[in-house]
Amino acid sequence: MNLGSKNKKRMVLPTRPDPPSVEQIIEDINRAYPNDPVFSLLQEPSEDLRGGSSSNEVEVRYLQSRRYLELNERLQEARTELVQRREELRAVGESLEESVAEVKDRAI
């Protein structure tokens, strides 16, 4: 039995709300806290220069990001190498088990 889309009722979505008025936007901005993330991300460059530490902080974060990416790449390479070594060890283990079995058979 095929229950296609013909049997499904179409869902009616509610209409979009009207965009806020300029007064509502201004009221929202005035009620926001000074440490609101939006305001800290949208600082003007002149504010960054007065603080002096922002450009240094950006540089530190950039270097941290670069270091993270380098370490992540090394980690991926190490993971690949470990997978290869695991396979080699598994193969050597199987070969060793076969050799032990042969030695036991010869001893009997």
C-alpha atoms as a PDB file:
ATOM      1  CA  MET A   1       0.000   0.000   0.000  1.00  0.00           C
ATOM      2  CA  ASN A   2       1.509   3.271  -1.109  1.00  0.00           C
ATOM      3  CA  LEU A   3       0.836   6.219   1.141  1.00  0.00           C
ATOM      4  CA  GLY A   4       2.003   8.997  -1.129  1.00  0.00           C
ATOM      5  CA  SER A   5       1.757  12.710  -0.592  1.00  0.00           C
ATOM      6  CA  LYS A   6      -1.784  12.746  -1.960  1.00  0.00           C
ATOM      7  CA  ASN A   7      -3.169  11.562   1.373  1.00  0.00           C
ATOM      8  CA  LYS A   8      -1.234  14.115   3.426  1.00  0.00           C
ATOM      9  CA  LYS A   9      -2.843  17.401   4.276  1.00  0.00           C
ATOM     10  CA  ARG A  10      -0.858  20.448   3.449  1.00  0.00           C
ATOM     11  CA  MET A  11       0.333  22.300   6.539  1.00  0.00           C
ATOM     12  CA  VAL A  12      -0.481  25.992   6.547  1.00  0.00           C
ATOM     13  CA  LEU A  13       2.332  28.077   7.958  1.00  0.00           C
ATOM     14  CA  PRO A  14       1.558  31.169  10.003  1.00  0.00           C
ATOM     15  CA  THR A  15       2.271  34.504   8.392  1.00  0.00           C
ATOM     16  CA  ARG A  16       5.558  36.196   9.163  1.00  0.00           C
ATOM     17  CA  PRO A  17       5.490  38.842  11.845  1.00  0.00           C
ATOM     18  CA  ASP A  18       6.016  42.450  10.833  1.00  0.00           C
ATOM     19  CA  PRO A  19       9.602  43.669  11.161  1.00  0.00           C
ATOM     20  CA  PRO A  20      10.270  45.795  14.241  1.00  0.00           C
ATOM     21  CA  SER A  21       9.881  49.514  13.993  1.00  0.00           C
ATOM     22  CA  VAL A  22      12.831  51.878  14.376  1.00  0.00           C
ATOM     23  CA  GLU A  23      11.603  52.781  17.855  1.00  0.00           C
ATOM     24  CA  GLN A  24      11.519  49.101  18.874  1.00  0.00           C
ATOM     25  CA  ILE A  25      15.028  48.554  17.556  1.00  0.00           C
ATOM     26  CA  ILE A  26      16.354  51.581  19.435  1.00  0.00           C
ATOM     27  CA  GLU A  27      14.594  50.417  22.595  1.00  0.00           C
ATOM     28  CA  ASP A  28      16.207  46.963  22.257  1.00  0.00           C
ATOM     29  CA  ILE A  29      19.641  48.511  21.780  1.00  0.00           C
ATOM     30  CA  ASN A  30      19.208  50.756  24.798  1.00  0.00           C
ATOM     31  CA  ARG A  31      18.142  47.807  26.975  1.00  0.00           C
ATOM     32  CA  ALA A  32      21.120  45.655  25.936  1.00  0.00           C
ATOM     33  CA  TYR A  33      24.000  45.250  28.355  1.00  0.00           C
ATOM     34  CA  PRO A  34      27.349  46.871  27.446  1.00  0.00           C
ATOM     35  CA  ASN A  35      29.066  43.460  27.517  1.00  0.00           C
ATOM     36  CA  ASP A  36      26.623  42.028  24.966  1.00  0.00           C
ATOM     37  CA  PRO A  37      28.666  39.913  22.496  1.00  0.00           C
ATOM     38  CA  VAL A  38      27.262  41.810  19.528  1.00  0.00           C
ATOM     39  CA  PHE A  39      28.717  45.069  20.782  1.00  0.00           C
ATOM     40  CA  SER A  40      32.088  43.593  21.663  1.00  0.00           C
ATOM     41  CA  LEU A  41      32.442  42.076  18.183  1.00  0.00           C
ATOM     42  CA  LEU A  42      31.382  45.212  16.372  1.00  0.00           C
ATOM     43  CA  GLN A  43      33.791  47.638  18.029  1.00  0.00           C
ATOM     44  CA  GLU A  44      35.189  50.319  15.799  1.00  0.00           C
ATOM     45  CA  PRO A  45      38.889  50.108  14.952  1.00  0.00           C
ATOM     46  CA  SER A  46      39.526  53.354  16.824  1.00  0.00           C
ATOM     47  CA  GLU A  47      38.325  51.694  20.036  1.00  0.00           C
ATOM     48  CA  ASP A  48      40.747  48.814  19.406  1.00  0.00           C
ATOM     49  CA  LEU A  49      43.642  51.252  19.075  1.00  0.00           C
ATOM     50  CA  ARG A  50      42.780  53.043  22.306  1.00  0.00           C
ATOM     51  CA  GLY A  51      42.673  49.762  24.200  1.00  0.00           C
ATOM     52  CA  GLY A  52      45.954  48.682  22.686  1.00  0.00           C
ATOM     53  CA  SER A  53      45.522  45.077  23.768  1.00  0.00           C
ATOM     54  CA  SER A  54      42.891  44.108  21.219  1.00  0.00           C
ATOM     55  CA  SER A  55      45.292  43.826  18.301  1.00  0.00           C
ATOM     56  CA  ASN A  56      47.663  41.890  20.537  1.00  0.00           C
ATOM     57  CA  GLU A  57      44.795  39.643  21.612  1.00  0.00           C
ATOM     58  CA  VAL A  58      43.850  39.055  17.981  1.00  0.00           C
ATOM     59  CA  GLU A  59      47.455  38.113  17.208  1.00  0.00           C
ATOM     60  CA  VAL A  60      47.565  35.706  20.166  1.00  0.00           C
ATOM     61  CA  ARG A  61      44.326  34.058  19.096  1.00  0.00           C
ATOM     62  CA  TYR A  62      45.580  33.800  15.528  1.00  0.00           C
ATOM     63  CA  LEU A  63      48.759  32.095  16.695  1.00  0.00           C
ATOM     64  CA  GLN A  64      46.738  29.774  18.928  1.00  0.00           C
ATOM     65  CA  SER A  65      44.539  28.862  15.976  1.00  0.00           C
ATOM     66  CA  ARG A  66      47.569  28.171  13.786  1.00  0.00           C
ATOM     67  CA  ARG A  67      49.117  26.021  16.507  1.00  0.00           C
ATOM     68  CA  TYR A  68      45.848  24.118  16.906  1.00  0.00           C
ATOM     69  CA  LEU A  69      45.679  23.415  13.177  1.00  0.00           C
ATOM     70  CA  GLU A  70      49.303  22.253  13.111  1.00  0.00           C
ATOM     71  CA  LEU A  71      48.767  19.950  16.073  1.00  0.00           C
ATOM     72  CA  ASN A  72      45.558  18.629  14.563  1.00  0.00           C
ATOM     73  CA  GLU A  73      47.384  17.801  11.333  1.00  0.00           C
ATOM     74  CA  ARG A  74      50.151  16.020  13.260  1.00  0.00           C
ATOM     75  CA  LEU A  75      47.530  14.113  15.194  1.00  0.00           C
ATOM     76  CA  GLN A  76      45.876  12.934  11.987  1.00  0.00           C
ATOM     77  CA  GLU A  77      49.251  11.830  10.609  1.00  0.00           C
ATOM     78  CA  ALA A  78      50.019   9.959  13.836  1.00  0.00           C
ATOM     79  CA  ARG A  79      46.623   8.277  13.677  1.00  0.00           C
ATOM     80  CA  THR A  80      47.293   7.057  10.137  1.00  0.00           C
ATOM     81  CA  GLU A  81      50.708   5.766  11.179  1.00  0.00           C
ATOM     82  CA  LEU A  82      49.213   3.969  14.181  1.00  0.00           C
ATOM     83  CA  VAL A  83      46.625   2.268  11.982  1.00  0.00           C
ATOM     84  CA  GLN A  84      49.414   1.038   9.693  1.00  0.00           C
ATOM     85  CA  ARG A  85      51.506  -0.204  12.611  1.00  0.00           C
ATOM     86  CA  ARG A  86      48.495  -1.964  14.124  1.00  0.00           C
ATOM     87  CA  GLU A  87      47.923  -3.816  10.862  1.00  0.00           C
ATOM     88  CA  GLU A  88      51.610  -4.760  10.696  1.00  0.00           C
ATOM     89  CA  LEU A  89      51.513  -6.042  14.277  1.00  0.00           C
ATOM     90  CA  ARG A  90      48.357  -8.014  13.573  1.00  0.00           C
ATOM     91  CA  ALA A  91      50.000  -9.652  10.544  1.00  0.00           C
ATOM     92  CA  VAL A  92      53.195 -10.406  12.514  1.00  0.00           C
ATOM     93  CA  GLY A  93      51.080 -11.847  15.353  1.00  0.00           C
ATOM     94  CA  GLU A  94      49.250 -14.150  12.973  1.00  0.00           C
ATOM     95  CA  SER A  95      52.553 -15.255  11.446  1.00  0.00           C
ATOM     96  CA  LEU A  96      53.956 -15.908  14.925  1.00  0.00           C
ATOM     97  CA  GLU A  97      50.924 -17.987  15.872  1.00  0.00           C
ATOM     98  CA  GLU A  98      51.355 -20.051  12.709  1.00  0.00           C
ATOM     99  CA  SER A  99      55.071 -20.558  13.476  1.00  0.00           C
ATOM    100  CA  VAL A 100      54.287 -21.632  17.038  1.00  0.00           C
ATOM    101  CA  ALA A 101      51.683 -24.092  15.741  1.00  0.00           C
ATOM    102  CA  GLU A 102      54.230 -25.547  13.273  1.00  0.00           C
ATOM    103  CA  VAL A 103      56.838 -25.936  16.020  1.00  0.00           C
ATOM    104  CA  LYS A 104      54.279 -27.689  18.235  1.00  0.00           C
ATOM    105  CA  ASP A 105      53.308 -30.019  15.398  1.00  0.00           C
ATOM    106  CA  ARG A 106      56.980 -30.908  14.762  1.00  0.00           C
ATOM    107  CA  ALA A 107      57.583 -31.537  18.461  1.00  0.00           C
ATOM    108  CA  ILE A 108      54.750 -34.058  18.640  1.00  0.00           C
END
